[in-house]
N, C-alpha and C. Protein backbone atom coordinates (compact mmCIF):
# COMPACT_ATOMS: atom_id res chain seq x y z
N MET A 1 -37.88 -29.56 -31.03
CA MET A 1 -36.97 -29.61 -29.97
C MET A 1 -38.21 -29.72 -28.57
N ASN A 2 -37.99 -30.78 -27.67
CA ASN A 2 -39.00 -31.06 -26.75
C ASN A 2 -38.24 -30.08 -25.35
N SER A 3 -39.02 -30.10 -24.31
CA SER A 3 -38.75 -29.03 -23.11
C SER A 3 -37.30 -29.62 -22.55
N LYS A 4 -37.10 -30.97 -22.48
CA LYS A 4 -35.78 -31.41 -22.01
C LYS A 4 -34.63 -31.09 -22.93
N GLU A 5 -34.77 -31.24 -24.13
CA GLU A 5 -33.82 -30.85 -25.05
C GLU A 5 -33.64 -29.39 -25.04
N ARG A 6 -34.67 -28.53 -24.96
CA ARG A 6 -34.60 -27.15 -24.91
C ARG A 6 -33.82 -26.67 -23.61
N ARG A 7 -34.10 -27.20 -22.63
CA ARG A 7 -33.27 -26.82 -21.32
C ARG A 7 -31.86 -27.25 -21.28
N TYR A 8 -31.44 -28.30 -21.91
CA TYR A 8 -30.16 -28.73 -22.20
C TYR A 8 -29.43 -27.80 -23.15
N PHE A 9 -30.04 -27.37 -24.13
CA PHE A 9 -29.71 -26.43 -25.05
C PHE A 9 -29.19 -25.11 -24.25
N ILE A 10 -30.25 -24.62 -23.58
CA ILE A 10 -29.84 -23.43 -22.88
C ILE A 10 -28.75 -23.51 -21.78
N LEU A 11 -28.69 -24.52 -21.10
CA LEU A 11 -27.63 -24.87 -20.07
C LEU A 11 -26.37 -25.06 -20.71
N THR A 12 -26.33 -25.76 -22.03
CA THR A 12 -24.95 -25.89 -22.76
C THR A 12 -24.60 -24.43 -23.13
N LYS A 13 -25.56 -23.55 -23.74
CA LYS A 13 -25.14 -22.37 -24.25
C LYS A 13 -24.63 -21.57 -23.07
N LEU A 14 -25.40 -21.43 -21.85
CA LEU A 14 -24.83 -20.59 -20.76
C LEU A 14 -23.56 -20.94 -20.20
N MET A 15 -23.26 -22.24 -20.26
CA MET A 15 -21.85 -22.87 -19.82
C MET A 15 -20.81 -22.37 -20.91
N SER A 16 -21.20 -22.48 -22.00
CA SER A 16 -20.12 -22.03 -23.09
C SER A 16 -19.89 -20.72 -23.34
N TYR A 17 -20.56 -19.60 -22.72
CA TYR A 17 -20.39 -18.24 -22.85
C TYR A 17 -19.88 -17.62 -21.50
N ASN A 18 -18.91 -16.74 -21.56
CA ASN A 18 -18.42 -15.91 -20.45
C ASN A 18 -19.37 -14.82 -20.20
N GLU A 19 -20.23 -14.34 -21.17
CA GLU A 19 -20.94 -13.17 -20.99
C GLU A 19 -22.31 -13.66 -20.86
N PRO A 20 -23.04 -12.73 -20.32
CA PRO A 20 -24.68 -13.06 -20.25
C PRO A 20 -25.28 -13.25 -21.37
N GLN A 21 -26.36 -14.14 -21.38
CA GLN A 21 -27.15 -14.27 -22.69
C GLN A 21 -28.56 -13.89 -22.33
N LYS A 22 -29.04 -13.05 -23.25
CA LYS A 22 -30.33 -12.21 -23.15
C LYS A 22 -31.24 -13.46 -23.31
N GLY A 23 -32.35 -13.46 -22.54
CA GLY A 23 -33.51 -14.29 -22.83
C GLY A 23 -34.09 -14.21 -24.30
N HIS A 24 -34.26 -12.93 -24.54
CA HIS A 24 -34.80 -12.75 -25.92
C HIS A 24 -34.00 -13.50 -27.06
N ASN A 25 -32.89 -13.32 -27.06
CA ASN A 25 -31.89 -14.11 -28.08
C ASN A 25 -32.06 -15.49 -27.93
N LEU A 26 -32.05 -16.14 -26.77
CA LEU A 26 -32.18 -17.46 -26.50
C LEU A 26 -33.51 -17.86 -27.12
N SER A 27 -34.69 -17.20 -26.82
CA SER A 27 -36.05 -17.50 -27.49
C SER A 27 -35.87 -17.52 -28.93
N THR A 28 -35.27 -16.41 -29.52
CA THR A 28 -35.26 -16.43 -30.89
C THR A 28 -34.62 -17.31 -31.83
N GLU A 29 -33.45 -17.87 -30.95
CA GLU A 29 -32.55 -18.93 -31.41
C GLU A 29 -33.14 -20.21 -31.43
N ILE A 30 -34.09 -20.47 -30.28
CA ILE A 30 -34.84 -21.67 -30.08
C ILE A 30 -36.04 -21.80 -30.99
N GLY A 31 -36.65 -20.60 -30.93
CA GLY A 31 -37.93 -20.48 -31.67
C GLY A 31 -39.11 -20.68 -30.71
N VAL A 32 -38.89 -20.15 -29.45
CA VAL A 32 -40.04 -20.16 -28.33
C VAL A 32 -40.29 -18.81 -28.04
N THR A 33 -41.21 -18.66 -27.07
CA THR A 33 -41.31 -17.19 -26.64
C THR A 33 -40.38 -17.00 -25.32
N ARG A 34 -40.24 -15.79 -25.03
CA ARG A 34 -39.40 -15.44 -23.94
C ARG A 34 -39.89 -15.91 -22.65
N GLN A 35 -41.11 -16.09 -22.61
CA GLN A 35 -41.84 -16.75 -21.41
C GLN A 35 -41.39 -18.15 -21.05
N ILE A 36 -41.32 -18.92 -22.20
CA ILE A 36 -40.68 -20.10 -22.06
C ILE A 36 -39.44 -20.29 -21.70
N ILE A 37 -38.61 -19.38 -22.18
CA ILE A 37 -37.23 -19.33 -21.34
C ILE A 37 -37.19 -19.04 -20.14
N VAL A 38 -38.01 -18.23 -19.65
CA VAL A 38 -38.09 -17.73 -18.11
C VAL A 38 -38.50 -19.00 -17.35
N LYS A 39 -39.47 -19.78 -17.87
CA LYS A 39 -39.89 -21.10 -17.16
C LYS A 39 -38.85 -22.10 -17.25
N ASP A 40 -38.16 -22.33 -18.39
CA ASP A 40 -37.15 -23.17 -18.22
C ASP A 40 -36.09 -22.84 -17.57
N ILE A 41 -35.59 -21.71 -17.35
CA ILE A 41 -34.52 -21.12 -16.34
C ILE A 41 -35.11 -21.30 -14.99
N ALA A 42 -36.27 -21.24 -14.75
CA ALA A 42 -36.70 -21.34 -13.25
C ALA A 42 -36.73 -22.97 -13.05
N ILE A 43 -36.87 -23.86 -13.97
CA ILE A 43 -36.94 -25.29 -13.83
C ILE A 43 -35.29 -25.65 -13.61
N LEU A 44 -34.63 -25.22 -14.49
CA LEU A 44 -33.03 -25.33 -14.19
C LEU A 44 -32.60 -25.02 -12.97
N ARG A 45 -33.06 -23.79 -12.45
CA ARG A 45 -32.67 -23.44 -10.97
C ARG A 45 -33.17 -24.36 -10.02
N ALA A 46 -34.37 -24.89 -10.15
CA ALA A 46 -35.09 -25.68 -9.12
C ALA A 46 -34.25 -27.12 -9.18
N GLU A 47 -33.76 -27.44 -10.29
CA GLU A 47 -32.78 -28.51 -10.34
C GLU A 47 -31.41 -28.39 -9.88
N GLY A 48 -31.24 -27.16 -9.27
CA GLY A 48 -29.94 -26.99 -8.71
C GLY A 48 -28.82 -26.24 -9.42
N LYS A 49 -29.14 -25.89 -10.65
CA LYS A 49 -28.30 -25.04 -11.67
C LYS A 49 -28.12 -23.54 -10.90
N ASN A 50 -26.86 -23.11 -10.87
CA ASN A 50 -26.64 -21.80 -10.34
C ASN A 50 -26.73 -20.91 -11.56
N ILE A 51 -27.88 -20.52 -12.01
CA ILE A 51 -28.08 -19.60 -12.99
C ILE A 51 -28.51 -18.21 -12.64
N ILE A 52 -27.40 -17.16 -12.92
CA ILE A 52 -27.88 -15.83 -12.31
C ILE A 52 -28.58 -15.07 -13.47
N ALA A 53 -29.60 -14.24 -12.98
CA ALA A 53 -30.31 -13.35 -14.09
C ALA A 53 -29.69 -12.01 -13.72
N THR A 54 -29.08 -11.39 -14.71
CA THR A 54 -28.66 -10.15 -14.74
C THR A 54 -29.25 -9.11 -15.71
N PRO A 55 -29.08 -7.87 -15.40
CA PRO A 55 -29.85 -6.74 -16.53
C PRO A 55 -29.23 -7.39 -17.84
N GLU A 56 -28.12 -7.82 -17.97
CA GLU A 56 -27.56 -8.16 -19.19
C GLU A 56 -28.03 -9.51 -19.76
N GLY A 57 -28.61 -10.36 -19.13
CA GLY A 57 -29.08 -11.66 -19.47
C GLY A 57 -28.77 -12.65 -18.47
N TYR A 58 -28.85 -13.95 -18.71
CA TYR A 58 -28.54 -14.99 -17.84
C TYR A 58 -27.20 -15.58 -17.94
N LEU A 59 -26.57 -16.05 -16.84
CA LEU A 59 -25.18 -16.40 -16.96
C LEU A 59 -25.05 -17.46 -15.61
N ILE A 60 -24.00 -18.47 -15.96
CA ILE A 60 -23.73 -19.28 -14.95
C ILE A 60 -22.20 -18.72 -14.63
N PRO A 61 -21.86 -18.61 -13.23
CA PRO A 61 -20.67 -18.10 -13.00
C PRO A 61 -19.64 -19.02 -13.32
N LYS A 62 -18.45 -18.67 -13.85
CA LYS A 62 -17.35 -19.44 -14.27
C LYS A 62 -16.88 -20.45 -13.24
N ASN A 63 -16.81 -20.17 -11.83
CA ASN A 63 -16.32 -21.20 -11.10
C ASN A 63 -17.56 -22.23 -10.73
N GLN A 64 -18.52 -22.02 -11.22
CA GLN A 64 -19.83 -22.94 -11.07
C GLN A 64 -19.90 -24.03 -12.10
N ARG A 65 -19.20 -23.69 -13.13
CA ARG A 65 -19.50 -24.62 -14.40
C ARG A 65 -18.76 -25.92 -14.25
N PRO A 66 -19.40 -27.00 -14.47
CA PRO A 66 -18.70 -28.40 -14.59
C PRO A 66 -17.80 -28.24 -15.63
N LYS A 67 -16.52 -29.10 -15.19
CA LYS A 67 -15.62 -29.40 -16.28
C LYS A 67 -15.82 -30.37 -17.17
N VAL A 68 -15.64 -30.43 -18.29
CA VAL A 68 -15.48 -31.45 -19.43
C VAL A 68 -14.28 -32.31 -19.30
N LYS A 69 -14.40 -33.65 -19.19
CA LYS A 69 -13.38 -34.53 -19.31
C LYS A 69 -13.37 -35.33 -20.63
N LYS A 70 -12.22 -35.54 -21.12
CA LYS A 70 -12.11 -36.59 -22.38
C LYS A 70 -10.90 -37.49 -22.28
N ILE A 71 -10.81 -38.67 -22.63
CA ILE A 71 -9.49 -39.38 -22.71
C ILE A 71 -9.40 -39.58 -23.99
N LEU A 72 -7.91 -39.02 -24.29
CA LEU A 72 -7.50 -39.01 -25.79
C LEU A 72 -6.36 -40.19 -25.89
N ALA A 73 -6.43 -40.93 -26.92
CA ALA A 73 -5.32 -41.79 -27.32
C ALA A 73 -4.55 -41.06 -28.25
N THR A 74 -3.24 -41.15 -27.96
CA THR A 74 -2.35 -40.25 -28.60
C THR A 74 -1.09 -41.16 -28.84
N SER A 75 -0.14 -40.68 -29.92
CA SER A 75 0.98 -41.59 -30.12
C SER A 75 2.02 -40.58 -30.80
N HIS A 76 3.40 -40.82 -30.38
CA HIS A 76 4.23 -39.72 -30.87
C HIS A 76 5.70 -40.21 -30.37
N ASP A 77 6.79 -39.75 -30.83
CA ASP A 77 8.16 -40.03 -30.44
C ASP A 77 8.42 -39.18 -29.21
N THR A 78 9.30 -39.42 -28.45
CA THR A 78 9.82 -38.88 -27.18
C THR A 78 9.93 -37.25 -27.49
N ASP A 79 10.68 -37.01 -28.72
CA ASP A 79 11.09 -35.59 -29.05
C ASP A 79 9.78 -34.73 -29.30
N ARG A 80 8.54 -35.42 -29.26
CA ARG A 80 7.31 -34.39 -29.55
C ARG A 80 6.51 -34.27 -28.19
N ILE A 81 6.93 -34.65 -27.08
CA ILE A 81 6.32 -34.59 -25.78
C ILE A 81 5.72 -33.19 -25.44
N GLU A 82 6.82 -32.31 -25.59
CA GLU A 82 6.54 -30.99 -25.18
C GLU A 82 5.61 -30.14 -26.20
N GLU A 83 5.54 -30.60 -27.58
CA GLU A 83 4.72 -29.94 -28.42
C GLU A 83 3.20 -30.45 -28.05
N GLU A 84 3.12 -31.71 -27.84
CA GLU A 84 1.75 -32.26 -27.53
C GLU A 84 1.20 -31.62 -26.47
N LEU A 85 1.81 -31.39 -25.31
CA LEU A 85 1.46 -30.65 -24.02
C LEU A 85 1.07 -29.42 -24.14
N GLN A 86 1.78 -28.63 -25.05
CA GLN A 86 1.61 -27.19 -25.24
C GLN A 86 0.34 -26.95 -26.10
N ILE A 87 -0.12 -28.02 -26.95
CA ILE A 87 -1.26 -27.65 -27.66
C ILE A 87 -2.38 -27.88 -26.92
N ILE A 88 -2.30 -28.79 -25.79
CA ILE A 88 -3.36 -29.12 -24.78
C ILE A 88 -3.70 -27.73 -23.88
N VAL A 89 -2.44 -27.35 -23.50
CA VAL A 89 -2.52 -26.34 -22.44
C VAL A 89 -2.84 -24.83 -23.06
N LYS A 90 -2.46 -24.81 -24.28
CA LYS A 90 -2.91 -23.42 -24.91
C LYS A 90 -4.23 -22.94 -25.08
N TYR A 91 -5.15 -23.97 -25.20
CA TYR A 91 -6.46 -23.93 -25.24
C TYR A 91 -7.08 -23.75 -23.99
N GLY A 92 -6.32 -24.11 -22.75
CA GLY A 92 -6.94 -24.07 -21.58
C GLY A 92 -7.30 -25.39 -21.01
N GLY A 93 -6.76 -26.50 -21.74
CA GLY A 93 -6.89 -27.88 -21.09
C GLY A 93 -6.05 -28.21 -19.86
N VAL A 94 -6.40 -29.09 -19.30
CA VAL A 94 -5.51 -29.46 -18.14
C VAL A 94 -5.15 -31.03 -18.44
N ILE A 95 -3.94 -31.39 -18.44
CA ILE A 95 -3.48 -32.80 -18.69
C ILE A 95 -3.43 -33.38 -17.23
N GLU A 96 -4.40 -34.20 -16.94
CA GLU A 96 -4.46 -34.92 -15.64
C GLU A 96 -3.51 -35.90 -15.47
N ASP A 97 -3.20 -36.79 -16.49
CA ASP A 97 -2.35 -37.98 -16.31
C ASP A 97 -1.85 -38.51 -17.68
N VAL A 98 -1.18 -39.43 -17.65
CA VAL A 98 -0.65 -40.31 -18.72
C VAL A 98 -0.98 -41.76 -18.66
N ILE A 99 -1.57 -42.49 -19.25
CA ILE A 99 -1.97 -44.11 -19.11
C ILE A 99 -1.45 -44.80 -20.20
N VAL A 100 -0.65 -45.94 -20.01
CA VAL A 100 -0.41 -46.92 -20.88
C VAL A 100 -1.07 -48.20 -20.48
N GLU A 101 -1.07 -49.24 -21.48
CA GLU A 101 -1.56 -50.36 -21.15
C GLU A 101 -0.34 -51.42 -21.27
N HIS A 102 0.11 -52.03 -20.15
CA HIS A 102 1.28 -52.99 -20.02
C HIS A 102 0.77 -54.20 -20.23
N PRO A 103 1.56 -55.21 -20.99
CA PRO A 103 1.03 -56.43 -21.13
C PRO A 103 1.12 -57.32 -19.98
N VAL A 104 1.92 -57.09 -18.90
CA VAL A 104 1.89 -57.87 -17.63
C VAL A 104 1.22 -57.02 -16.65
N TYR A 105 1.64 -55.70 -16.41
CA TYR A 105 1.10 -54.90 -15.08
C TYR A 105 -0.33 -54.39 -15.49
N GLY A 106 -0.90 -54.59 -16.79
CA GLY A 106 -2.09 -53.72 -16.93
C GLY A 106 -1.85 -52.37 -17.07
N GLU A 107 -2.93 -51.48 -16.72
CA GLU A 107 -2.80 -50.15 -16.71
C GLU A 107 -1.73 -49.51 -15.76
N ILE A 108 -0.89 -48.63 -16.48
CA ILE A 108 -0.21 -47.94 -15.50
C ILE A 108 -0.41 -46.44 -15.75
N ARG A 109 -0.65 -45.75 -14.64
CA ARG A 109 -1.07 -44.27 -14.81
C ARG A 109 -0.03 -43.55 -14.05
N GLY A 110 0.34 -42.48 -14.56
CA GLY A 110 1.05 -41.33 -13.97
C GLY A 110 0.50 -40.12 -13.86
N MET A 111 0.21 -39.70 -12.61
CA MET A 111 -0.44 -38.21 -12.44
C MET A 111 0.38 -37.26 -12.97
N LEU A 112 -0.12 -36.29 -13.77
CA LEU A 112 0.46 -35.10 -14.28
C LEU A 112 0.11 -33.82 -13.74
N MET A 113 -1.24 -33.40 -13.81
CA MET A 113 -1.73 -32.23 -13.71
C MET A 113 -0.98 -30.97 -13.96
N ILE A 114 -0.94 -31.05 -15.46
CA ILE A 114 -0.20 -29.94 -15.97
C ILE A 114 -1.31 -28.91 -16.52
N LYS A 115 -1.11 -27.84 -16.01
CA LYS A 115 -2.18 -26.73 -16.27
C LYS A 115 -1.66 -25.42 -17.31
N THR A 116 -0.22 -25.19 -17.14
CA THR A 116 0.44 -23.91 -17.64
C THR A 116 1.55 -24.26 -18.60
N LEU A 117 2.09 -23.34 -19.14
CA LEU A 117 3.41 -23.55 -19.98
C LEU A 117 4.38 -23.60 -18.89
N ASN A 118 4.27 -23.09 -17.67
CA ASN A 118 5.28 -22.99 -16.73
C ASN A 118 5.36 -24.52 -16.22
N ASP A 119 4.21 -25.29 -16.16
CA ASP A 119 4.32 -26.67 -15.67
C ASP A 119 4.97 -27.45 -16.62
N ILE A 120 4.58 -27.33 -17.89
CA ILE A 120 5.32 -28.06 -19.15
C ILE A 120 6.77 -27.89 -18.77
N GLN A 121 7.29 -26.67 -18.78
CA GLN A 121 8.79 -26.27 -18.69
C GLN A 121 9.33 -27.00 -17.53
N ASN A 122 8.62 -27.07 -16.36
CA ASN A 122 9.30 -27.83 -15.25
C ASN A 122 9.15 -29.33 -15.33
N PHE A 123 8.17 -29.81 -15.93
CA PHE A 123 8.04 -31.24 -16.39
C PHE A 123 9.30 -31.70 -17.16
N MET A 124 9.46 -30.84 -18.25
CA MET A 124 10.45 -31.33 -19.06
C MET A 124 11.89 -30.94 -18.65
N ILE A 125 12.18 -30.15 -17.64
CA ILE A 125 13.39 -29.97 -17.08
C ILE A 125 13.56 -31.31 -16.11
N ARG A 126 12.56 -31.62 -15.34
CA ARG A 126 12.57 -32.82 -14.43
C ARG A 126 12.94 -34.11 -15.40
N PHE A 127 12.28 -34.18 -16.43
CA PHE A 127 12.34 -35.45 -17.37
C PHE A 127 14.01 -35.42 -17.91
N LYS A 128 14.44 -34.17 -18.09
CA LYS A 128 15.77 -34.23 -18.73
C LYS A 128 16.82 -34.36 -17.42
N ASN A 129 16.86 -33.82 -16.37
CA ASN A 129 17.43 -34.00 -15.23
C ASN A 129 17.39 -35.40 -14.64
N GLU A 130 16.56 -36.04 -14.64
CA GLU A 130 16.48 -37.49 -14.14
C GLU A 130 16.67 -38.58 -15.31
N LYS A 131 17.01 -37.97 -16.47
CA LYS A 131 17.19 -38.79 -17.60
C LYS A 131 16.07 -39.97 -17.79
N ALA A 132 15.01 -39.50 -17.48
CA ALA A 132 13.80 -40.56 -17.34
C ALA A 132 13.24 -40.77 -18.61
N GLU A 133 12.64 -42.08 -19.08
CA GLU A 133 11.97 -42.57 -20.10
C GLU A 133 10.50 -42.21 -19.82
N PRO A 134 9.82 -41.66 -20.96
CA PRO A 134 8.34 -41.70 -20.83
C PRO A 134 7.67 -43.04 -20.71
N LEU A 135 6.48 -43.11 -20.09
CA LEU A 135 5.74 -44.36 -19.99
C LEU A 135 5.47 -44.82 -21.40
N SER A 136 5.13 -44.02 -22.36
CA SER A 136 4.81 -44.42 -23.68
C SER A 136 5.79 -45.27 -24.45
N LYS A 137 7.12 -45.19 -23.80
CA LYS A 137 8.19 -45.75 -24.33
C LYS A 137 7.95 -47.21 -24.20
N LEU A 138 7.22 -47.88 -23.36
CA LEU A 138 6.72 -48.97 -22.97
C LEU A 138 5.76 -49.69 -24.12
N THR A 139 5.03 -48.76 -24.84
CA THR A 139 4.14 -49.02 -25.77
C THR A 139 4.15 -48.51 -27.26
N GLY A 140 5.48 -48.39 -27.63
CA GLY A 140 5.77 -47.92 -28.97
C GLY A 140 5.34 -46.38 -29.17
N GLY A 141 5.24 -45.59 -28.02
CA GLY A 141 4.72 -44.28 -28.34
C GLY A 141 3.17 -44.10 -27.90
N ILE A 142 2.32 -45.34 -28.01
CA ILE A 142 1.04 -45.11 -27.72
C ILE A 142 0.60 -44.74 -26.19
N HIS A 143 -0.32 -43.94 -25.94
CA HIS A 143 -0.68 -43.66 -24.61
C HIS A 143 -1.89 -42.82 -24.68
N LEU A 144 -2.43 -42.81 -23.35
CA LEU A 144 -3.88 -42.06 -23.12
C LEU A 144 -3.54 -40.90 -22.25
N HIS A 145 -4.17 -39.76 -22.61
CA HIS A 145 -4.31 -38.69 -21.45
C HIS A 145 -5.69 -38.30 -21.17
N THR A 146 -6.14 -38.07 -19.74
CA THR A 146 -7.15 -37.61 -19.57
C THR A 146 -7.01 -36.10 -19.47
N ILE A 147 -7.95 -35.53 -20.49
CA ILE A 147 -7.88 -33.97 -20.61
C ILE A 147 -9.00 -33.27 -19.87
N GLU A 148 -8.99 -32.35 -19.23
CA GLU A 148 -10.01 -31.60 -18.39
C GLU A 148 -10.35 -30.14 -18.99
N ALA A 149 -11.20 -29.62 -19.28
CA ALA A 149 -11.46 -28.31 -19.87
C ALA A 149 -12.76 -27.74 -19.36
N ASP A 150 -12.91 -26.31 -19.66
CA ASP A 150 -14.10 -25.63 -19.11
C ASP A 150 -15.36 -26.03 -20.10
N SER A 151 -15.03 -26.31 -21.35
CA SER A 151 -16.16 -26.61 -22.29
C SER A 151 -15.80 -27.77 -23.21
N GLU A 152 -16.90 -28.15 -23.72
CA GLU A 152 -16.78 -29.30 -24.98
C GLU A 152 -16.15 -28.44 -26.21
N ASP A 153 -16.31 -27.26 -26.34
CA ASP A 153 -15.59 -26.50 -27.41
C ASP A 153 -14.06 -26.39 -27.12
N ILE A 154 -13.59 -26.24 -26.08
CA ILE A 154 -12.27 -26.34 -25.92
C ILE A 154 -11.80 -27.59 -26.13
N ILE A 155 -12.31 -28.79 -25.59
CA ILE A 155 -12.06 -30.16 -26.12
C ILE A 155 -11.77 -30.23 -27.47
N ASN A 156 -12.98 -29.84 -28.25
CA ASN A 156 -12.96 -30.00 -29.62
C ASN A 156 -11.88 -29.29 -30.41
N LYS A 157 -11.42 -27.92 -29.76
CA LYS A 157 -10.26 -27.43 -30.36
C LYS A 157 -8.93 -28.18 -30.34
N ILE A 158 -8.81 -28.78 -28.84
CA ILE A 158 -7.33 -29.43 -28.67
C ILE A 158 -7.61 -30.62 -29.59
N THR A 159 -8.71 -31.28 -29.59
CA THR A 159 -8.61 -32.57 -30.57
C THR A 159 -8.41 -32.14 -31.82
N SER A 160 -8.90 -31.23 -32.33
CA SER A 160 -8.89 -30.77 -33.82
C SER A 160 -7.35 -30.57 -34.12
N GLU A 161 -6.66 -29.81 -33.21
CA GLU A 161 -5.35 -29.40 -33.43
C GLU A 161 -4.19 -30.51 -33.09
N LEU A 162 -4.60 -31.68 -32.26
CA LEU A 162 -3.72 -33.00 -32.09
C LEU A 162 -4.04 -33.66 -33.45
N ASN A 163 -5.11 -33.85 -33.68
CA ASN A 163 -5.45 -34.53 -35.14
C ASN A 163 -4.47 -33.98 -36.35
N GLU A 164 -4.82 -32.66 -36.41
CA GLU A 164 -4.00 -31.80 -37.45
C GLU A 164 -2.53 -32.12 -37.52
N LYS A 165 -1.93 -32.22 -36.26
CA LYS A 165 -0.53 -32.25 -36.01
C LYS A 165 -0.17 -33.88 -36.02
N LYS A 166 -0.96 -34.93 -36.19
CA LYS A 166 -0.78 -36.14 -36.17
C LYS A 166 -0.34 -36.76 -34.91
N PHE A 167 -1.02 -36.11 -33.86
CA PHE A 167 -0.62 -36.84 -32.48
C PHE A 167 -1.65 -37.91 -32.08
N LEU A 168 -2.87 -37.73 -32.65
CA LEU A 168 -4.15 -38.80 -32.28
C LEU A 168 -3.73 -40.09 -32.79
N ALA A 169 -3.82 -41.19 -32.04
CA ALA A 169 -3.71 -42.50 -32.27
C ALA A 169 -4.97 -42.92 -33.12
N CYS A 170 -4.60 -43.27 -34.48
CA CYS A 170 -5.69 -43.67 -35.38
C CYS A 170 -5.64 -45.15 -35.81
N ASP A 171 -6.41 -45.84 -36.17
CA ASP A 171 -6.44 -47.17 -36.76
C ASP A 171 -5.37 -47.30 -37.79
């Protein structure tokens, strides 16, 4: 692993854990000396990364961590909307929007910003009260969602369960 890959590994590790990571453990895991880790941390800080050194180890404050976004192509009937949204939210994902490709209008996007189970409940109530049709009705159930999460691991968990429950659009 070269120095750039090593620093990327360190940064990814610090972003994916809520608790501090000891320099010794990082050095053992990567196979370098503790002093190399100290140098890599200094370089990452010089690049503007907010890495804090505590007696328990290094950490990146949760509010300083960049979010991970992924666009997921999904397909399902109207009666599974709530289930799909709940899978995403239960892992800490945020559903930013819903997107469909219309043959005449092109891309149609509806902003959602659903973050909690309460947001889902309110969305479903509005849907029912307004007797609205989902945008995915225009495309036979196929639609996209931009999902935001704190880590790639969370995105992977969301994707895995959506796939397991047959929500992801496949060939």
